PDB file of N, CA and C in Angstrom:
ATOM      1  N   UNK A   1      19.972 -31.085  -2.701  1.00  0.00           N
ATOM      2  CA  UNK A   1      18.533 -31.134  -2.523  1.00  0.00           C
ATOM      3  C   UNK A   1      17.882 -30.139  -3.482  1.00  0.00           C
ATOM      4  N   UNK A   2      16.768 -30.496  -3.998  1.00  0.00           N
ATOM      5  CA  UNK A   2      16.013 -29.653  -4.904  1.00  0.00           C
ATOM      6  C   UNK A   2      15.538 -28.399  -4.153  1.00  0.00           C
ATOM      7  N   UNK A   3      15.727 -27.198  -4.718  1.00  0.00           N
ATOM      8  CA  UNK A   3      15.301 -25.970  -4.010  1.00  0.00           C
ATOM      9  C   UNK A   3      13.805 -25.956  -3.715  1.00  0.00           C
ATOM     10  N   UNK A   4      13.002 -26.509  -4.623  1.00  0.00           N
ATOM     11  CA  UNK A   4      11.565 -26.535  -4.379  1.00  0.00           C
ATOM     12  C   UNK A   4      11.233 -27.446  -3.210  1.00  0.00           C
ATOM     13  N   UNK A   5      11.914 -28.603  -3.121  1.00  0.00           N
ATOM     14  CA  UNK A   5      11.678 -29.518  -2.004  1.00  0.00           C
ATOM     15  C   UNK A   5      12.110 -28.872  -0.692  1.00  0.00           C
ATOM     16  N   UNK A   6      13.238 -28.161  -0.710  1.00  0.00           N
ATOM     17  CA  UNK A   6      13.697 -27.473   0.487  1.00  0.00           C
ATOM     18  C   UNK A   6      12.684 -26.416   0.918  1.00  0.00           C
ATOM     19  N   UNK A   7      12.144 -25.670  -0.039  1.00  0.00           N
ATOM     20  CA  UNK A   7      11.156 -24.640   0.266  1.00  0.00           C
ATOM     21  C   UNK A   7       9.891 -25.263   0.849  1.00  0.00           C
ATOM     22  N   UNK A   8       9.457 -26.369   0.301  1.00  0.00           N
ATOM     23  CA  UNK A   8       8.227 -26.997   0.777  1.00  0.00           C
ATOM     24  C   UNK A   8       8.397 -27.636   2.145  1.00  0.00           C
ATOM     25  N   UNK A   9       9.625 -27.996   2.507  1.00  0.00           N
ATOM     26  CA  UNK A   9       9.861 -28.612   3.809  1.00  0.00           C
ATOM     27  C   UNK A   9      10.098 -27.592   4.913  1.00  0.00           C
ATOM     28  N   UNK A  10      10.346 -26.363   4.559  1.00  0.00           N
ATOM     29  CA  UNK A  10      10.606 -25.348   5.577  1.00  0.00           C
ATOM     30  C   UNK A  10       9.296 -24.892   6.205  1.00  0.00           C
ATOM     31  N   UNK A  11       9.399 -24.463   7.437  1.00  0.00           N
ATOM     32  CA  UNK A  11       8.202 -24.009   8.142  1.00  0.00           C
ATOM     33  C   UNK A  11       8.172 -22.482   8.155  1.00  0.00           C
ATOM     34  N   UNK A  12       6.989 -21.954   8.258  1.00  0.00           N
ATOM     35  CA  UNK A  12       6.778 -20.517   8.245  1.00  0.00           C
ATOM     36  C   UNK A  12       6.373 -20.082   9.646  1.00  0.00           C
ATOM     37  N   UNK A  13       7.089 -19.102  10.181  1.00  0.00           N
ATOM     38  CA  UNK A  13       6.800 -18.604  11.518  1.00  0.00           C
ATOM     39  C   UNK A  13       6.054 -17.278  11.398  1.00  0.00           C
ATOM     40  N   UNK A  14       4.825 -17.244  11.790  1.00  0.00           N
ATOM     41  CA  UNK A  14       4.035 -16.016  11.798  1.00  0.00           C
ATOM     42  C   UNK A  14       4.060 -15.394  13.183  1.00  0.00           C
ATOM     43  N   UNK A  15       4.008 -14.071  13.252  1.00  0.00           N
ATOM     44  CA  UNK A  15       3.991 -13.441  14.581  1.00  0.00           C
ATOM     45  C   UNK A  15       2.672 -13.739  15.291  1.00  0.00           C
ATOM     46  N   UNK A  16       2.746 -13.743  16.599  1.00  0.00           N
ATOM     47  CA  UNK A  16       1.536 -13.980  17.391  1.00  0.00           C
ATOM     48  C   UNK A  16       0.596 -12.793  17.231  1.00  0.00           C
ATOM     49  N   UNK A  17      -0.690 -13.066  17.280  1.00  0.00           N
ATOM     50  CA  UNK A  17      -1.675 -12.009  17.093  1.00  0.00           C
ATOM     51  C   UNK A  17      -1.643 -10.972  18.207  1.00  0.00           C
ATOM     52  N   UNK A  18      -1.250 -11.372  19.400  1.00  0.00           N
ATOM     53  CA  UNK A  18      -1.204 -10.405  20.493  1.00  0.00           C
ATOM     54  C   UNK A  18      -0.017  -9.449  20.346  1.00  0.00           C
ATOM     55  N   UNK A  19       0.951  -9.776  19.493  1.00  0.00           N
ATOM     56  CA  UNK A  19       2.097  -8.906  19.274  1.00  0.00           C
ATOM     57  C   UNK A  19       1.865  -7.873  18.182  1.00  0.00           C
ATOM     58  N   UNK A  20       0.753  -7.982  17.484  1.00  0.00           N
ATOM     59  CA  UNK A  20       0.452  -7.036  16.411  1.00  0.00           C
ATOM     60  C   UNK A  20      -0.270  -5.805  16.959  1.00  0.00           C
ATOM     61  N   UNK A  21       0.116  -4.671  16.479  1.00  0.00           N
ATOM     62  CA  UNK A  21      -0.552  -3.424  16.837  1.00  0.00           C
ATOM     63  C   UNK A  21      -1.551  -3.124  15.726  1.00  0.00           C
ATOM     64  N   UNK A  22      -2.821  -3.258  16.002  1.00  0.00           N
ATOM     65  CA  UNK A  22      -3.851  -3.105  14.978  1.00  0.00           C
ATOM     66  C   UNK A  22      -3.871  -1.686  14.402  1.00  0.00           C
ATOM     67  N   UNK A  23      -3.623  -0.702  15.220  1.00  0.00           N
ATOM     68  CA  UNK A  23      -3.608   0.679  14.739  1.00  0.00           C
ATOM     69  C   UNK A  23      -2.491   0.932  13.750  1.00  0.00           C
ATOM     70  N   UNK A  24      -1.316   0.375  14.030  1.00  0.00           N
ATOM     71  CA  UNK A  24      -0.185   0.546  13.129  1.00  0.00           C
ATOM     72  C   UNK A  24      -0.409  -0.183  11.802  1.00  0.00           C
ATOM     73  N   UNK A  25      -0.983  -1.363  11.875  1.00  0.00           N
ATOM     74  CA  UNK A  25      -1.288  -2.115  10.659  1.00  0.00           C
ATOM     75  C   UNK A  25      -2.309  -1.361   9.812  1.00  0.00           C
ATOM     76  N   UNK A  26      -3.327  -0.822  10.451  1.00  0.00           N
ATOM     77  CA  UNK A  26      -4.350  -0.065   9.734  1.00  0.00           C
ATOM     78  C   UNK A  26      -3.757   1.211   9.124  1.00  0.00           C
ATOM     79  N   UNK A  27      -2.865   1.868   9.839  1.00  0.00           N
ATOM     80  CA  UNK A  27      -2.226   3.078   9.332  1.00  0.00           C
ATOM     81  C   UNK A  27      -1.363   2.772   8.107  1.00  0.00           C
ATOM     82  N   UNK A  28      -0.671   1.648   8.124  1.00  0.00           N
ATOM     83  CA  UNK A  28       0.133   1.259   6.970  1.00  0.00           C
ATOM     84  C   UNK A  28      -0.747   0.917   5.777  1.00  0.00           C
ATOM     85  N   UNK A  29      -1.880   0.304   6.013  1.00  0.00           N
ATOM     86  CA  UNK A  29      -2.795  -0.001   4.911  1.00  0.00           C
ATOM     87  C   UNK A  29      -3.382   1.273   4.315  1.00  0.00           C
ATOM     88  N   UNK A  30      -3.706   2.237   5.159  1.00  0.00           N
ATOM     89  CA  UNK A  30      -4.228   3.519   4.678  1.00  0.00           C
ATOM     90  C   UNK A  30      -3.150   4.261   3.891  1.00  0.00           C
ATOM     91  N   UNK A  31      -1.886   4.119   4.299  1.00  0.00           N
ATOM     92  CA  UNK A  31      -0.789   4.791   3.595  1.00  0.00           C
ATOM     93  C   UNK A  31      -0.611   4.230   2.186  1.00  0.00           C
ATOM     94  N   UNK A  32      -1.060   3.017   1.942  1.00  0.00           N
ATOM     95  CA  UNK A  32      -0.947   2.413   0.610  1.00  0.00           C
ATOM     96  C   UNK A  32      -2.072   2.830  -0.331  1.00  0.00           C
ATOM     97  N   UNK A  33      -3.134   3.414   0.199  1.00  0.00           N
ATOM     98  CA  UNK A  33      -4.282   3.777  -0.637  1.00  0.00           C
ATOM     99  C   UNK A  33      -3.940   4.731  -1.789  1.00  0.00           C
ATOM    100  N   UNK A  34      -3.155   5.795  -1.588  1.00  0.00           N
ATOM    101  CA  UNK A  34      -2.829   6.647  -2.742  1.00  0.00           C
ATOM    102  C   UNK A  34      -2.050   5.912  -3.824  1.00  0.00           C
ATOM    103  N   UNK A  35      -1.184   5.008  -3.426  1.00  0.00           N
ATOM    104  CA  UNK A  35      -0.412   4.251  -4.402  1.00  0.00           C
ATOM    105  C   UNK A  35      -1.309   3.340  -5.234  1.00  0.00           C
ATOM    106  N   UNK A  36      -2.164   2.594  -4.567  1.00  0.00           N
ATOM    107  CA  UNK A  36      -3.067   1.686  -5.276  1.00  0.00           C
ATOM    108  C   UNK A  36      -4.080   2.473  -6.102  1.00  0.00           C
ATOM    109  N   UNK A  37      -4.634   3.535  -5.515  1.00  0.00           N
ATOM    110  CA  UNK A  37      -5.602   4.348  -6.233  1.00  0.00           C
ATOM    111  C   UNK A  37      -4.996   5.025  -7.454  1.00  0.00           C
ATOM    112  N   UNK A  38      -3.785   5.540  -7.322  1.00  0.00           N
ATOM    113  CA  UNK A  38      -3.119   6.175  -8.453  1.00  0.00           C
ATOM    114  C   UNK A  38      -2.819   5.186  -9.557  1.00  0.00           C
ATOM    115  N   UNK A  39      -2.398   3.991  -9.174  1.00  0.00           N
ATOM    116  CA  UNK A  39      -2.129   2.966 -10.182  1.00  0.00           C
ATOM    117  C   UNK A  39      -3.406   2.588 -10.928  1.00  0.00           C
ATOM    118  N   UNK A  40      -4.479   2.373 -10.194  1.00  0.00           N
ATOM    119  CA  UNK A  40      -5.735   1.978 -10.843  1.00  0.00           C
ATOM    120  C   UNK A  40      -6.289   3.090 -11.724  1.00  0.00           C
ATOM    121  N   UNK A  41      -6.197   4.330 -11.263  1.00  0.00           N
ATOM    122  CA  UNK A  41      -6.672   5.441 -12.089  1.00  0.00           C
ATOM    123  C   UNK A  41      -5.827   5.604 -13.355  1.00  0.00           C
ATOM    124  N   UNK A  42      -4.527   5.418 -13.235  1.00  0.00           N
ATOM    125  CA  UNK A  42      -3.665   5.533 -14.414  1.00  0.00           C
ATOM    126  C   UNK A  42      -3.931   4.402 -15.395  1.00  0.00           C
ATOM    127  N   UNK A  43      -4.191   3.239 -14.866  1.00  0.00           N
ATOM    128  CA  UNK A  43      -4.419   2.074 -15.727  1.00  0.00           C
ATOM    129  C   UNK A  43      -5.767   2.150 -16.428  1.00  0.00           C
ATOM    130  N   UNK A  44      -6.790   2.528 -15.696  1.00  0.00           N
ATOM    131  CA  UNK A  44      -8.134   2.546 -16.258  1.00  0.00           C
ATOM    132  C   UNK A  44      -8.491   3.893 -16.879  1.00  0.00           C
ATOM    133  N   UNK A  45      -7.681   4.920 -16.629  1.00  0.00           N
ATOM    134  CA  UNK A  45      -8.022   6.250 -17.110  1.00  0.00           C
ATOM    135  C   UNK A  45      -7.460   6.579 -18.469  1.00  0.00           C
ATOM    136  N   UNK A  46      -7.030   5.574 -19.191  1.00  0.00           N
ATOM    137  CA  UNK A  46      -6.452   5.828 -20.509  1.00  0.00           C
ATOM    138  C   UNK A  46      -7.492   6.519 -21.395  1.00  0.00           C
ATOM    139  N   UNK A  47      -7.131   7.691 -21.882  1.00  0.00           N
ATOM    140  CA  UNK A  47      -8.048   8.442 -22.715  1.00  0.00           C
ATOM    141  C   UNK A  47      -8.900   9.437 -21.942  1.00  0.00           C
ATOM    142  N   UNK A  48      -8.948   9.317 -20.630  1.00  0.00           N
ATOM    143  CA  UNK A  48      -9.708  10.248 -19.805  1.00  0.00           C
ATOM    144  C   UNK A  48      -8.705  11.098 -19.030  1.00  0.00           C
ATOM    145  N   UNK A  49      -8.537  12.318 -19.464  1.00  0.00           N
ATOM    146  CA  UNK A  49      -7.493  13.175 -18.912  1.00  0.00           C
ATOM    147  C   UNK A  49      -7.710  13.481 -17.435  1.00  0.00           C
ATOM    148  N   UNK A  50      -8.954  13.595 -17.010  1.00  0.00           N
ATOM    149  CA  UNK A  50      -9.231  13.867 -15.599  1.00  0.00           C
ATOM    150  C   UNK A  50      -8.719  12.736 -14.718  1.00  0.00           C
ATOM    151  N   UNK A  51      -8.957  11.491 -15.121  1.00  0.00           N
ATOM    152  CA  UNK A  51      -8.466  10.349 -14.347  1.00  0.00           C
ATOM    153  C   UNK A  51      -6.943  10.314 -14.321  1.00  0.00           C
ATOM    154  N   UNK A  52      -6.320  10.678 -15.439  1.00  0.00           N
ATOM    155  CA  UNK A  52      -4.864  10.655 -15.479  1.00  0.00           C
ATOM    156  C   UNK A  52      -4.259  11.747 -14.593  1.00  0.00           C
ATOM    157  N   UNK A  53      -4.901  12.904 -14.546  1.00  0.00           N
ATOM    158  CA  UNK A  53      -4.428  13.977 -13.661  1.00  0.00           C
ATOM    159  C   UNK A  53      -4.581  13.549 -12.203  1.00  0.00           C
ATOM    160  N   UNK A  54      -5.709  12.962 -11.861  1.00  0.00           N
ATOM    161  CA  UNK A  54      -5.903  12.464 -10.494  1.00  0.00           C
ATOM    162  C   UNK A  54      -4.901  11.365 -10.156  1.00  0.00           C
ATOM    163  N   UNK A  55      -4.583  10.524 -11.134  1.00  0.00           N
ATOM    164  CA  UNK A  55      -3.592   9.468 -10.910  1.00  0.00           C
ATOM    165  C   UNK A  55      -2.229  10.065 -10.596  1.00  0.00           C
ATOM    166  N   UNK A  56      -1.849  11.107 -11.319  1.00  0.00           N
ATOM    167  CA  UNK A  56      -0.565  11.771 -11.058  1.00  0.00           C
ATOM    168  C   UNK A  56      -0.547  12.342  -9.647  1.00  0.00           C
ATOM    169  N   UNK A  57      -1.609  13.005  -9.266  1.00  0.00           N
ATOM    170  CA  UNK A  57      -1.654  13.599  -7.921  1.00  0.00           C
ATOM    171  C   UNK A  57      -1.582  12.524  -6.837  1.00  0.00           C
ATOM    172  N   UNK A  58      -2.296  11.419  -7.026  1.00  0.00           N
ATOM    173  CA  UNK A  58      -2.266  10.345  -6.022  1.00  0.00           C
ATOM    174  C   UNK A  58      -0.907   9.661  -5.964  1.00  0.00           C
ATOM    175  N   UNK A  59      -0.278   9.451  -7.109  1.00  0.00           N
ATOM    176  CA  UNK A  59       1.031   8.794  -7.103  1.00  0.00           C
ATOM    177  C   UNK A  59       2.102   9.679  -6.479  1.00  0.00           C
ATOM    178  N   UNK A  60       2.033  10.970  -6.701  1.00  0.00           N
ATOM    179  CA  UNK A  60       2.985  11.869  -6.040  1.00  0.00           C
ATOM    180  C   UNK A  60       2.697  11.926  -4.544  1.00  0.00           C
ATOM    181  N   UNK A  61       1.426  11.910  -4.173  1.00  0.00           N
ATOM    182  CA  UNK A  61       1.074  11.869  -2.750  1.00  0.00           C
ATOM    183  C   UNK A  61       1.599  10.598  -2.092  1.00  0.00           C
ATOM    184  N   UNK A  62       1.600   9.497  -2.832  1.00  0.00           N
ATOM    185  CA  UNK A  62       2.111   8.234  -2.277  1.00  0.00           C
ATOM    186  C   UNK A  62       3.599   8.313  -1.984  1.00  0.00           C
ATOM    187  N   UNK A  63       4.336   9.162  -2.702  1.00  0.00           N
ATOM    188  CA  UNK A  63       5.767   9.298  -2.415  1.00  0.00           C
ATOM    189  C   UNK A  63       6.021  10.155  -1.192  1.00  0.00           C
ATOM    190  N   UNK A  64       5.029  10.908  -0.766  1.00  0.00           N
ATOM    191  CA  UNK A  64       5.197  11.838   0.348  1.00  0.00           C
ATOM    192  C   UNK A  64       4.827  11.195   1.681  1.00  0.00           C
ATOM    193  N   UNK A  65       3.829  10.332   1.669  1.00  0.00           N
ATOM    194  CA  UNK A  65       3.340   9.730   2.912  1.00  0.00           C
ATOM    195  C   UNK A  65       4.373   8.745   3.447  1.00  0.00           C
ATOM    196  N   UNK A  66       4.851   8.952   4.676  1.00  0.00           N
ATOM    197  CA  UNK A  66       5.846   8.027   5.229  1.00  0.00           C
ATOM    198  C   UNK A  66       5.204   6.697   5.599  1.00  0.00           C
ATOM    199  N   UNK A  67       5.956   5.630   5.378  1.00  0.00           N
ATOM    200  CA  UNK A  67       5.433   4.303   5.683  1.00  0.00           C
ATOM    201  C   UNK A  67       5.551   3.994   7.169  1.00  0.00           C
ATOM    202  N   UNK A  68       6.574   4.504   7.789  1.00  0.00           N
ATOM    203  CA  UNK A  68       6.760   4.312   9.225  1.00  0.00           C
ATOM    204  C   UNK A  68       6.162   5.497   9.970  1.00  0.00           C
ATOM    205  N   UNK A  69       5.255   5.260  10.887  1.00  0.00           N
ATOM    206  CA  UNK A  69       4.677   6.388  11.636  1.00  0.00           C
ATOM    207  C   UNK A  69       5.724   7.034  12.550  1.00  0.00           C
ATOM    208  N   UNK A  70       5.715   8.353  12.566  1.00  0.00           N
ATOM    209  CA  UNK A  70       6.642   9.103  13.411  1.00  0.00           C
ATOM    210  C   UNK A  70       5.892  10.277  14.018  1.00  0.00           C
ATOM    211  N   UNK A  71       6.378  10.712  15.161  1.00  0.00           N
ATOM    212  CA  UNK A  71       5.718  11.809  15.862  1.00  0.00           C
ATOM    213  C   UNK A  71       5.901  13.137  15.129  1.00  0.00           C
ATOM    214  N   UNK A  72       6.976  13.247  14.336  1.00  0.00           N
ATOM    215  CA  UNK A  72       7.249  14.513  13.660  1.00  0.00           C
ATOM    216  C   UNK A  72       6.420  14.685  12.389  1.00  0.00           C
ATOM    217  N   UNK A  73       5.705  13.643  11.962  1.00  0.00           N
ATOM    218  CA  UNK A  73       4.911  13.720  10.733  1.00  0.00           C
ATOM    219  C   UNK A  73       3.547  14.317  11.063  1.00  0.00           C
ATOM    220  N   UNK A  74       3.249  15.432  10.414  1.00  0.00           N
ATOM    221  CA  UNK A  74       1.953  16.074  10.579  1.00  0.00           C
ATOM    222  C   UNK A  74       1.334  16.265   9.201  1.00  0.00           C
ATOM    223  N   UNK A  75       0.089  16.625   9.188  1.00  0.00           N
ATOM    224  CA  UNK A  75      -0.584  16.887   7.922  1.00  0.00           C
ATOM    225  C   UNK A  75       0.073  18.063   7.204  1.00  0.00           C
ATOM    226  N   UNK A  76       0.520  19.041   7.951  1.00  0.00           N
ATOM    227  CA  UNK A  76       1.197  20.193   7.357  1.00  0.00           C
ATOM    228  C   UNK A  76       2.510  19.784   6.706  1.00  0.00           C
ATOM    229  N   UNK A  77       3.279  18.921   7.361  1.00  0.00           N
ATOM    230  CA  UNK A  77       4.554  18.492   6.770  1.00  0.00           C
ATOM    231  C   UNK A  77       4.329  17.659   5.515  1.00  0.00           C
ATOM    232  N   UNK A  78       3.271  16.862   5.498  1.00  0.00           N
ATOM    233  CA  UNK A  78       2.952  16.070   4.304  1.00  0.00           C
ATOM    234  C   UNK A  78       2.540  16.990   3.165  1.00  0.00           C
ATOM    235  N   UNK A  79       1.714  18.004   3.459  1.00  0.00           N
ATOM    236  CA  UNK A  79       1.293  18.946   2.420  1.00  0.00           C
ATOM    237  C   UNK A  79       2.463  19.768   1.889  1.00  0.00           C
ATOM    238  N   UNK A  80       3.390  20.163   2.774  1.00  0.00           N
ATOM    239  CA  UNK A  80       4.564  20.909   2.329  1.00  0.00           C
ATOM    240  C   UNK A  80       5.444  20.060   1.422  1.00  0.00           C
ATOM    241  N   UNK A  81       5.616  18.787   1.771  1.00  0.00           N
ATOM    242  CA  UNK A  81       6.414  17.897   0.929  1.00  0.00           C
ATOM    243  C   UNK A  81       5.719  17.642  -0.405  1.00  0.00           C
ATOM    244  N   UNK A  82       4.390  17.559  -0.376  1.00  0.00           N
ATOM    245  CA  UNK A  82       3.613  17.344  -1.601  1.00  0.00           C
ATOM    246  C   UNK A  82       3.762  18.541  -2.538  1.00  0.00           C
ATOM    247  N   UNK A  83       3.649  19.737  -2.001  1.00  0.00           N
ATOM    248  CA  UNK A  83       3.763  20.945  -2.819  1.00  0.00           C
ATOM    249  C   UNK A  83       5.199  21.126  -3.327  1.00  0.00           C
ATOM    250  N   UNK A  84       6.183  20.701  -2.546  1.00  0.00           N
ATOM    251  CA  UNK A  84       7.576  20.853  -2.978  1.00  0.00           C
ATOM    252  C   UNK A  84       7.917  19.946  -4.151  1.00  0.00           C
ATOM    253  N   UNK A  85       7.097  18.977  -4.431  1.00  0.00           N
ATOM    254  CA  UNK A  85       7.316  18.083  -5.571  1.00  0.00           C
ATOM    255  C   UNK A  85       6.572  18.542  -6.820  1.00  0.00           C
ATOM    256  N   UNK A  86       6.183  19.797  -6.894  1.00  0.00           N
ATOM    257  CA  UNK A  86       5.395  20.268  -8.032  1.00  0.00           C
ATOM    258  C   UNK A  86       6.127  20.178  -9.365  1.00  0.00           C
ATOM    259  N   UNK A  87       7.454  20.315  -9.457  1.00  0.00           N
ATOM    260  CA  UNK A  87       8.079  20.130 -10.772  1.00  0.00           C
ATOM    261  C   UNK A  87       7.905  18.706 -11.315  1.00  0.00           C
ATOM    262  N   UNK A  88       7.958  17.736 -10.431  1.00  0.00           N
ATOM    263  CA  UNK A  88       7.754  16.351 -10.855  1.00  0.00           C
ATOM    264  C   UNK A  88       6.302  16.145 -11.280  1.00  0.00           C
ATOM    265  N   UNK A  89       5.383  16.774 -10.559  1.00  0.00           N
ATOM    266  CA  UNK A  89       3.970  16.669 -10.947  1.00  0.00           C
ATOM    267  C   UNK A  89       3.742  17.280 -12.325  1.00  0.00           C
ATOM    268  N   UNK A  90       4.390  18.408 -12.601  1.00  0.00           N
ATOM    269  CA  UNK A  90       4.232  19.045 -13.904  1.00  0.00           C
ATOM    270  C   UNK A  90       4.779  18.143 -15.004  1.00  0.00           C
ATOM    271  N   UNK A  91       5.909  17.489 -14.742  1.00  0.00           N
ATOM    272  CA  UNK A  91       6.480  16.566 -15.722  1.00  0.00           C
ATOM    273  C   UNK A  91       5.536  15.400 -15.989  1.00  0.00           C
ATOM    274  N   UNK A  92       5.006  14.799 -14.921  1.00  0.00           N
ATOM    275  CA  UNK A  92       4.092  13.664 -15.093  1.00  0.00           C
ATOM    276  C   UNK A  92       2.784  14.085 -15.753  1.00  0.00           C
ATOM    277  N   UNK A  93       2.326  15.287 -15.464  1.00  0.00           N
ATOM    278  CA  UNK A  93       1.138  15.795 -16.148  1.00  0.00           C
ATOM    279  C   UNK A  93       1.408  15.996 -17.641  1.00  0.00           C
ATOM    280  N   UNK A  94       2.622  16.412 -17.965  1.00  0.00           N
ATOM    281  CA  UNK A  94       2.999  16.512 -19.366  1.00  0.00           C
ATOM    282  C   UNK A  94       2.940  15.160 -20.060  1.00  0.00           C
ATOM    283  N   UNK A  95       3.404  14.123 -19.371  1.00  0.00           N
ATOM    284  CA  UNK A  95       3.302  12.773 -19.935  1.00  0.00           C
ATOM    285  C   UNK A  95       1.848  12.357 -20.122  1.00  0.00           C
ATOM    286  N   UNK A  96       0.998  12.731 -19.177  1.00  0.00           N
ATOM    287  CA  UNK A  96      -0.420  12.392 -19.296  1.00  0.00           C
ATOM    288  C   UNK A  96      -1.047  13.099 -20.489  1.00  0.00           C
ATOM    289  N   UNK A  97      -0.670  14.359 -20.717  1.00  0.00           N
ATOM    290  CA  UNK A  97      -1.202  15.091 -21.870  1.00  0.00           C
ATOM    291  C   UNK A  97      -0.713  14.470 -23.178  1.00  0.00           C
ATOM    292  N   UNK A  98       0.553  14.080 -23.211  1.00  0.00           N
ATOM    293  CA  UNK A  98       1.089  13.452 -24.419  1.00  0.00           C
ATOM    294  C   UNK A  98       0.379  12.135 -24.690  1.00  0.00           C
ATOM    295  N   UNK A  99       0.138  11.363 -23.659  1.00  0.00           N
ATOM    296  CA  UNK A  99      -0.530  10.077 -23.824  1.00  0.00           C
ATOM    297  C   UNK A  99      -1.962  10.249 -24.305  1.00  0.00           C
ATOM    298  N   UNK A 100      -2.577  11.362 -23.955  1.00  0.00           N
ATOM    299  CA  UNK A 100      -3.952  11.617 -24.377  1.00  0.00           C
ATOM    300  C   UNK A 100      -4.039  11.870 -25.873  1.00  0.00           C
ATOM    301  N   UNK A 101      -2.977  12.408 -26.463  1.00  0.00           N
ATOM    302  CA  UNK A 101      -2.913  12.572 -27.910  1.00  0.00           C
ATOM    303  C   UNK A 101      -3.577  13.845 -28.398  1.00  0.00           C
ATOM    304  N   UNK A 102      -3.592  13.983 -29.719  1.00  0.00           N
ATOM    305  CA  UNK A 102      -4.214  15.148 -30.336  1.00  0.00           C
ATOM    306  C   UNK A 102      -3.403  16.405 -30.109  1.00  0.00           C
ATOM    307  N   UNK A 103      -4.105  17.528 -30.036  1.00  0.00           N
ATOM    308  CA  UNK A 103      -3.438  18.817 -29.838  1.00  0.00           C
ATOM    309  C   UNK A 103      -2.823  18.928 -28.446  1.00  0.00           C
ATOM    310  N   UNK A 104      -3.202  18.046 -27.534  1.00  0.00           N
ATOM    311  CA  UNK A 104      -2.675  18.110 -26.161  1.00  0.00           C
ATOM    312  C   UNK A 104      -1.212  17.673 -26.090  1.00  0.00           C
ATOM    313  N   UNK A 105      -0.718  17.067 -27.180  1.00  0.00           N
ATOM    314  CA  UNK A 105       0.691  16.664 -27.210  1.00  0.00           C
ATOM    315  C   UNK A 105       1.584  17.897 -27.088  1.00  0.00           C
ATOM    316  N   UNK A 106       1.225  18.971 -27.748  1.00  0.00           N
ATOM    317  CA  UNK A 106       2.030  20.197 -27.696  1.00  0.00           C
ATOM    318  C   UNK A 106       2.062  20.745 -26.271  1.00  0.00           C
ATOM    319  N   UNK A 107       0.905  20.778 -25.623  1.00  0.00           N
ATOM    320  CA  UNK A 107       0.853  21.247 -24.235  1.00  0.00           C
ATOM    321  C   UNK A 107       1.681  20.331 -23.331  1.00  0.00           C
ATOM    322  N   UNK A 108       1.629  19.028 -23.571  1.00  0.00           N
ATOM    323  CA  UNK A 108       2.414  18.086 -22.784  1.00  0.00           C
ATOM    324  C   UNK A 108       3.904  18.300 -22.936  1.00  0.00           C
ATOM    325  N   UNK A 109       4.353  18.548 -24.151  1.00  0.00           N
ATOM    326  CA  UNK A 109       5.778  18.812 -24.376  1.00  0.00           C
ATOM    327  C   UNK A 109       6.197  20.104 -23.691  1.00  0.00           C
ATOM    328  N   UNK A 110       5.344  21.124 -23.742  1.00  0.00           N
ATOM    329  CA  UNK A 110       5.658  22.385 -23.061  1.00  0.00           C
ATOM    330  C   UNK A 110       5.752  22.165 -21.549  1.00  0.00           C
ATOM    331  N   UNK A 111       4.807  21.412 -20.987  1.00  0.00           N
ATOM    332  CA  UNK A 111       4.851  21.133 -19.542  1.00  0.00           C
ATOM    333  C   UNK A 111       6.125  20.386 -19.169  1.00  0.00           C
ATOM    334  N   UNK A 112       6.506  19.415 -19.986  1.00  0.00           N
ATOM    335  CA  UNK A 112       7.728  18.658 -19.694  1.00  0.00           C
ATOM    336  C   UNK A 112       8.964  19.541 -19.815  1.00  0.00           C
ATOM    337  N   UNK A 113       8.978  20.441 -20.790  1.00  0.00           N
ATOM    338  CA  UNK A 113      10.124  21.341 -20.948  1.00  0.00           C
ATOM    339  C   UNK A 113      10.231  22.310 -19.771  1.00  0.00           C
ATOM    340  N   UNK A 114       9.104  22.837 -19.341  1.00  0.00           N
ATOM    341  CA  UNK A 114       9.107  23.757 -18.197  1.00  0.00           C
ATOM    342  C   UNK A 114       9.591  23.046 -16.943  1.00  0.00           C
ATOM    343  N   UNK A 115       9.098  21.846 -16.702  1.00  0.00           N
ATOM    344  CA  UNK A 115       9.533  21.116 -15.500  1.00  0.00           C
ATOM    345  C   UNK A 115      11.007  20.745 -15.605  1.00  0.00           C
ATOM    346  N   UNK A 116      11.473  20.448 -16.817  1.00  0.00           N
ATOM    347  CA  UNK A 116      12.895  20.152 -16.987  1.00  0.00           C
ATOM    348  C   UNK A 116      13.759  21.360 -16.684  1.00  0.00           C
ATOM    349  N   UNK A 117      13.317  22.535 -17.103  1.00  0.00           N
ATOM    350  CA  UNK A 117      14.062  23.750 -16.812  1.00  0.00           C
ATOM    351  C   UNK A 117      14.087  24.049 -15.311  1.00  0.00           C
ATOM    352  N   UNK A 118      13.006  23.711 -14.628  1.00  0.00           N
ATOM    353  CA  UNK A 118      12.938  23.947 -13.184  1.00  0.00           C
ATOM    354  C   UNK A 118      13.814  22.952 -12.429  1.00  0.00           C
ATOM    355  N   UNK A 119      13.839  21.699 -12.909  1.00  0.00           N
ATOM    356  CA  UNK A 119      14.583  20.654 -12.204  1.00  0.00           C
ATOM    357  C   UNK A 119      16.089  20.712 -12.445  1.00  0.00           C
ATOM    358  N   UNK A 120      16.518  21.365 -13.531  1.00  0.00           N
ATOM    359  CA  UNK A 120      17.954  21.477 -13.805  1.00  0.00           C
ATOM    360  C   UNK A 120      18.584  22.350 -12.730  1.00  0.00           C
ATOM    361  N   UNK A 121      19.644  21.843 -12.084  1.00  0.00           N
ATOM    362  CA  UNK A 121      20.275  22.669 -11.046  1.00  0.00           C
ATOM    363  C   UNK A 121      20.926  23.907 -11.650  1.00  0.00           C
ATOM    364  N   UNK A 122      20.680  25.007 -11.011  1.00  0.00           N
ATOM    365  CA  UNK A 122      21.252  26.280 -11.470  1.00  0.00           C
ATOM    366  C   UNK A 122      22.476  26.572 -10.625  1.00  0.00           C
ATOM    367  N   UNK A 123      23.612  26.691 -11.262  1.00  0.00           N
ATOM    368  CA  UNK A 123      24.842  26.863 -10.515  1.00  0.00           C
ATOM    369  C   UNK A 123      25.387  28.164 -10.616  1.00  0.00           C
TER     370      UNK A 123
END
């Protein structure tokens, strides 16, 4: 049987509306906002260093926010995880400076080198 014909003949089972938790769905949608916002700022902020810096901060924040709600997740724990990722933020900011061009390329390379030195495990 043709795979397309099989796909078109199959039925789709959606969950009942009474089984959905509206608060959880809304929380998951809010958790996606930094990811979408960071992507849009990075895409449209080409040449505008402020937008690129904000994009880096939002994209790193998107890696910190848990997708599954848990009782142990607090604003303090999210902020601590966000701050603990500062070497990665410095590296991405270096890329943003390099992409901006001009004399900022040197600053971008320095930022990337510093973050690389921080991220290298010291044994």
